[in-house]
Amino acid sequence: MAPKHTKSTANVATKRPRWVIDLETKLKVIKDYEGGKSVMAIAYQSGMSHPTTATILKNKNKVLETVKG
């Protein structure tokens, strides 16, 4: 039986580099959300994707805990 997938170096996609979102930006996202803005509006305004913004809000307690230190 032949293999289902063949490895081809021509079609290998390069990974995008990861970039770190600073604490100030995360706090601004949380503040805007608590102020009544929608996740999509915050994502558009900050230039981040919707999932990235939602993850910041999901981890809100960790971010605020880091600030209080």
N, C-alpha and C. Protein backbone atom coordinates (compact mmCIF):
# COMPACT_ATOMS: atom_id res chain seq x y z
N MET A 1 0.84 -1.18 0.00
CA MET A 1 0.00 0.00 0.00
C MET A 1 0.88 1.24 0.00
N ALA A 2 0.58 2.20 -0.82
CA ALA A 2 1.37 3.41 -0.95
C ALA A 2 1.09 4.36 0.21
N PRO A 3 2.08 5.17 0.58
CA PRO A 3 1.84 6.14 1.66
C PRO A 3 0.82 7.18 1.22
N LYS A 4 0.02 7.62 2.18
CA LYS A 4 -1.05 8.58 1.87
C LYS A 4 -0.51 9.99 1.66
N HIS A 5 0.53 10.32 2.36
CA HIS A 5 1.10 11.66 2.26
C HIS A 5 2.56 11.55 1.87
N THR A 6 2.95 12.36 0.96
CA THR A 6 4.36 12.41 0.60
C THR A 6 4.93 13.74 1.06
N LYS A 7 6.16 13.72 1.48
CA LYS A 7 6.81 14.94 1.93
C LYS A 7 7.41 15.66 0.74
N SER A 8 7.09 16.90 0.62
CA SER A 8 7.62 17.71 -0.46
C SER A 8 8.15 19.00 0.13
N THR A 9 9.38 19.32 -0.16
CA THR A 9 9.95 20.53 0.40
C THR A 9 9.45 21.78 -0.31
N ALA A 10 8.85 21.62 -1.46
CA ALA A 10 8.37 22.77 -2.23
C ALA A 10 7.13 23.40 -1.60
N ASN A 11 6.32 22.62 -0.91
CA ASN A 11 5.06 23.12 -0.38
C ASN A 11 5.10 23.41 1.11
N VAL A 12 6.27 23.42 1.69
CA VAL A 12 6.39 23.66 3.12
C VAL A 12 6.23 25.15 3.39
N ALA A 13 5.27 25.48 4.21
CA ALA A 13 5.02 26.88 4.54
C ALA A 13 5.97 27.31 5.65
N THR A 14 6.43 28.52 5.58
CA THR A 14 7.30 29.03 6.64
C THR A 14 6.44 29.58 7.76
N LYS A 15 6.90 29.39 8.98
CA LYS A 15 6.16 29.87 10.13
C LYS A 15 6.35 31.37 10.28
N ARG A 16 5.29 32.02 10.70
CA ARG A 16 5.38 33.43 11.01
C ARG A 16 6.12 33.58 12.33
N PRO A 17 6.91 34.62 12.48
CA PRO A 17 7.57 34.82 13.78
C PRO A 17 6.55 35.25 14.83
N ARG A 18 6.74 34.77 16.04
CA ARG A 18 5.86 35.18 17.14
C ARG A 18 6.32 36.51 17.67
N TRP A 19 5.38 37.35 18.07
CA TRP A 19 5.74 38.62 18.66
C TRP A 19 5.03 38.75 20.00
N VAL A 20 5.71 39.37 20.92
CA VAL A 20 5.23 39.50 22.29
C VAL A 20 4.38 40.76 22.40
N ILE A 21 3.24 40.62 23.03
CA ILE A 21 2.36 41.76 23.27
C ILE A 21 2.69 42.29 24.66
N ASP A 22 3.06 43.55 24.74
CA ASP A 22 3.49 44.10 26.03
C ASP A 22 2.31 44.24 26.99
N LEU A 23 2.68 44.35 28.26
CA LEU A 23 1.68 44.39 29.32
C LEU A 23 0.76 45.60 29.21
N GLU A 24 1.27 46.71 28.76
CA GLU A 24 0.46 47.92 28.62
C GLU A 24 -0.66 47.73 27.60
N THR A 25 -0.33 47.05 26.51
CA THR A 25 -1.34 46.78 25.48
C THR A 25 -2.42 45.85 26.02
N LYS A 26 -1.99 44.83 26.75
CA LYS A 26 -2.96 43.90 27.34
C LYS A 26 -3.88 44.61 28.32
N LEU A 27 -3.32 45.50 29.12
CA LEU A 27 -4.15 46.25 30.07
C LEU A 27 -5.13 47.16 29.35
N LYS A 28 -4.71 47.75 28.24
CA LYS A 28 -5.61 48.61 27.45
C LYS A 28 -6.75 47.79 26.87
N VAL A 29 -6.46 46.57 26.41
CA VAL A 29 -7.50 45.69 25.87
C VAL A 29 -8.52 45.37 26.97
N ILE A 30 -8.03 45.03 28.16
CA ILE A 30 -8.93 44.69 29.27
C ILE A 30 -9.77 45.92 29.67
N LYS A 31 -9.13 47.08 29.74
CA LYS A 31 -9.84 48.31 30.11
C LYS A 31 -10.92 48.65 29.10
N ASP A 32 -10.59 48.55 27.81
CA ASP A 32 -11.57 48.84 26.77
C ASP A 32 -12.75 47.88 26.82
N TYR A 33 -12.47 46.60 27.07
CA TYR A 33 -13.53 45.60 27.12
C TYR A 33 -14.46 45.87 28.32
N GLU A 34 -13.86 46.18 29.45
CA GLU A 34 -14.67 46.48 30.63
C GLU A 34 -15.43 47.79 30.47
N GLY A 35 -14.94 48.65 29.57
CA GLY A 35 -15.63 49.91 29.28
C GLY A 35 -16.80 49.76 28.34
N GLY A 36 -16.99 48.56 27.78
CA GLY A 36 -18.16 48.31 26.95
C GLY A 36 -17.88 48.08 25.48
N LYS A 37 -16.62 48.13 25.06
CA LYS A 37 -16.31 47.88 23.65
C LYS A 37 -16.39 46.38 23.35
N SER A 38 -16.74 46.08 22.11
CA SER A 38 -16.81 44.67 21.71
C SER A 38 -15.41 44.15 21.41
N VAL A 39 -15.26 42.84 21.43
CA VAL A 39 -13.97 42.21 21.17
C VAL A 39 -13.51 42.54 19.76
N MET A 40 -14.42 42.53 18.79
CA MET A 40 -14.04 42.83 17.40
C MET A 40 -13.57 44.28 17.26
N ALA A 41 -14.23 45.19 17.95
CA ALA A 41 -13.84 46.60 17.87
C ALA A 41 -12.45 46.79 18.47
N ILE A 42 -12.18 46.13 19.58
CA ILE A 42 -10.86 46.23 20.22
C ILE A 42 -9.80 45.61 19.32
N ALA A 43 -10.11 44.47 18.73
CA ALA A 43 -9.15 43.79 17.85
C ALA A 43 -8.82 44.67 16.64
N TYR A 44 -9.83 45.26 16.05
CA TYR A 44 -9.60 46.12 14.89
C TYR A 44 -8.78 47.35 15.26
N GLN A 45 -9.11 47.95 16.39
CA GLN A 45 -8.44 49.16 16.84
C GLN A 45 -6.97 48.89 17.17
N SER A 46 -6.68 47.74 17.77
CA SER A 46 -5.32 47.45 18.21
C SER A 46 -4.50 46.74 17.15
N GLY A 47 -5.14 46.29 16.07
CA GLY A 47 -4.41 45.61 15.01
C GLY A 47 -4.12 44.16 15.29
N MET A 48 -4.82 43.59 16.26
CA MET A 48 -4.66 42.18 16.60
C MET A 48 -5.82 41.39 16.03
N SER A 49 -5.66 40.08 16.00
CA SER A 49 -6.75 39.23 15.54
C SER A 49 -7.76 39.05 16.67
N HIS A 50 -8.95 38.63 16.30
CA HIS A 50 -10.02 38.37 17.28
C HIS A 50 -9.59 37.31 18.29
N PRO A 51 -9.04 36.15 17.84
CA PRO A 51 -8.63 35.14 18.82
C PRO A 51 -7.55 35.63 19.80
N THR A 52 -6.65 36.45 19.33
CA THR A 52 -5.60 36.99 20.22
C THR A 52 -6.22 37.87 21.29
N THR A 53 -7.14 38.71 20.88
CA THR A 53 -7.83 39.59 21.83
C THR A 53 -8.64 38.77 22.82
N ALA A 54 -9.33 37.75 22.33
CA ALA A 54 -10.14 36.90 23.22
C ALA A 54 -9.27 36.15 24.21
N THR A 55 -8.08 35.74 23.80
CA THR A 55 -7.17 35.03 24.70
C THR A 55 -6.67 35.96 25.80
N ILE A 56 -6.40 37.20 25.45
CA ILE A 56 -5.98 38.17 26.47
C ILE A 56 -7.09 38.34 27.50
N LEU A 57 -8.32 38.43 27.05
CA LEU A 57 -9.44 38.59 27.97
C LEU A 57 -9.68 37.33 28.79
N LYS A 58 -9.43 36.17 28.19
CA LYS A 58 -9.59 34.91 28.91
C LYS A 58 -8.56 34.81 30.04
N ASN A 59 -7.37 35.34 29.81
CA ASN A 59 -6.30 35.30 30.80
C ASN A 59 -6.21 36.61 31.60
N LYS A 60 -7.31 37.29 31.72
CA LYS A 60 -7.36 38.58 32.39
C LYS A 60 -6.83 38.50 33.82
N ASN A 61 -7.19 37.46 34.55
CA ASN A 61 -6.75 37.34 35.94
C ASN A 61 -5.24 37.25 36.05
N LYS A 62 -4.61 36.51 35.15
CA LYS A 62 -3.15 36.39 35.16
C LYS A 62 -2.48 37.72 34.87
N VAL A 63 -3.04 38.47 33.93
CA VAL A 63 -2.46 39.76 33.56
C VAL A 63 -2.57 40.73 34.73
N LEU A 64 -3.74 40.80 35.34
CA LEU A 64 -3.94 41.71 36.47
C LEU A 64 -3.10 41.30 37.67
N GLU A 65 -2.92 39.99 37.87
CA GLU A 65 -2.08 39.49 38.96
C GLU A 65 -0.63 39.89 38.73
N THR A 66 -0.17 39.87 37.49
CA THR A 66 1.19 40.26 37.18
C THR A 66 1.41 41.74 37.45
N VAL A 67 0.40 42.55 37.17
CA VAL A 67 0.52 43.99 37.41
C VAL A 67 0.61 44.28 38.89
N LYS A 68 -0.21 43.59 39.69
CA LYS A 68 -0.21 43.83 41.14
C LYS A 68 1.11 43.33 41.76
N GLY A 69 1.65 42.25 41.15
CA GLY A 69 2.96 41.71 41.54
C GLY A 69 3.08 41.49 42.98
